[in-house]
Amino acid sequence: MIAMPSKQPVILVIDDERNTREGLRDAFEDKYEILLADSASAGLEILRHRHVDIVLTDLRMPGMDGMAFTQEVSSWPEAPLIIMLTAYGSVQTAMAAMRAGAYDYLTKPVKLDDLEMMIDRGLAVLEERRSSGGISATATENAGIIGSSPAMKAVLEEAHQVADARSTVLITGESGTGKELFAHAIHAWSPRAAKPFVAVHCAALNENLLESELFGHEKGAYTGANERFIGRFERADHGTLFLDEIGEISLATQVKLLRVLETRNLERVGGSTTIPVDVRLIAATNRDLPAMVREGTFREDLYYRLNVVNFRLPALREHREDIPQLLEHFLKLAAEDNGKAVTGITADAMAVLNSYDWPGNIRELRNCVERMVVLARGTLLTVSDIPREIVDALAGVPDTPANPSSATSTIPVLDIHENERTAIRHALEQARGNRTRAAEILGISRRTLQRKLKQDPSLEEGVPPESP
């Protein structure tokens, strides 16, 4: 039996490095109850007997690694939030951790202020789940949905509208537009938010592997099936199953998928037992499914079953006004991940990037920004940092900065440091000098705010002193 929750939030730290485990305990034991485990298996044993709010787990460990641990625990009822700590940080690692069920991730060496802020936000999410059974839209937006243009507002409104329904959702749009992020958001805004979100990338698996991944298999079902495997449908029971690139699955698998959607029952490969499943399905594709139906490569009955609610994500060129905000977000992430002191971008460089059509959409922008940050020689990204293929693509296009060196623009320099200074000053003024209240307005810890004020005392000039 799992013990009742303690008065203090309970944090489980799983890491095979003793110094890391004990260092995190020493840093936070005055605020949280800290439990320690030196392996994923030891962590699982603790979770079976103790209530835990948040798990901090290393990625690379002997035996079961942090990703496998996350996949196992995130499917449990009343699962704790999982924060992945890894020295192998990258956008790919982050997305894999999120797909496995992690709440968030941080790269090592961990900044204690950032970790404390992430833990506190996670605890707030847990509290909201317990009181209302769901996750707030704000929490989801902060996790990755960025954009305030009319096009993005419209699609966000659609996502809110479909979230409460049980109906199947089909998300369409070009590659790189953020279909999986929107699937996460729909799940998080839905009554199923406290249950698993399970993602399957259909194009990455051949027909036999995909069938096993979706429906599971029994021991001995085929050569190499040495034990029973629970498929993604069962893992997503009472939650949401996201099938990305649905247009890539074979006709044979389409038949089996349709049967599960219609009957809400499945049989594992090699098995004969009928297993009921309660799953909300969200599918996504960049293919033209109606055209595939006409060609006979996609079943018409499955298309109509999937297309109960359909909304299309706009290409990045259709909401260019979101590029500065997206760029700032990706710049900050890339600078932190790669240890680069890049703080902004010049107006000329922004004008060039804003003129480009971004055929790879948000994914291409993200990769471009990371490349620019890694190769940057100064603290501001300039035209010379822009990949040559982008400049060449614009060279023959009229009404664009074809000659970047002479481009002019009214777009101000995007300077993250200056934006941060302005935000802190406004928060202090709004809080009338109260640092605790200012930190709450900014969404950071008081410790972080104090450190920033110590680094730059001019931030408090003209602001009323904090009352004792």
Foldseek 3Di string as FASTA:
>chain_A
DEDDDDPAAEEEEEALDPCVQVVVCVVPVVRHHYHYHNHLVRVVVCVVHYDHAEYEYEADDPDDGPLNSLLVQQLDQVGHAYEYEYQPDDPVVQVSSVQSPHLGYDYPPDDPQVVVLVVVVSVVQVVCCVVPVAGDLVSLCVVPPFDDFPQSVVVVVLLLVCLADLAAEEEEEAAQLCPVSSVLSSQRNYSLNSHDEHEDEVVVDDQVVVLCQAQWAADPLDPPSNHTGHHPQQSQASGEYEYEAVLPHFPVVLVQVVVCLVPQWGAHRSGDDIHHGRYRYYYYHHDDVVVCCVVVGHPPVSVVRNVPDYDYRDFCLVRLVRLVVLLQVLLVVLCVSQVFLAFWAAPLLSQLVSPFRPSNGSVVSSVQSNQLRNPPPDNYRYNVSGDPVSLVVCLPPPPGPVPSVPDDDPDHIGGNVVVVLVLLLVLLQVVQAALCSSCVVVSGHSVVVVVVCVVPVCSCVPRHHHDD
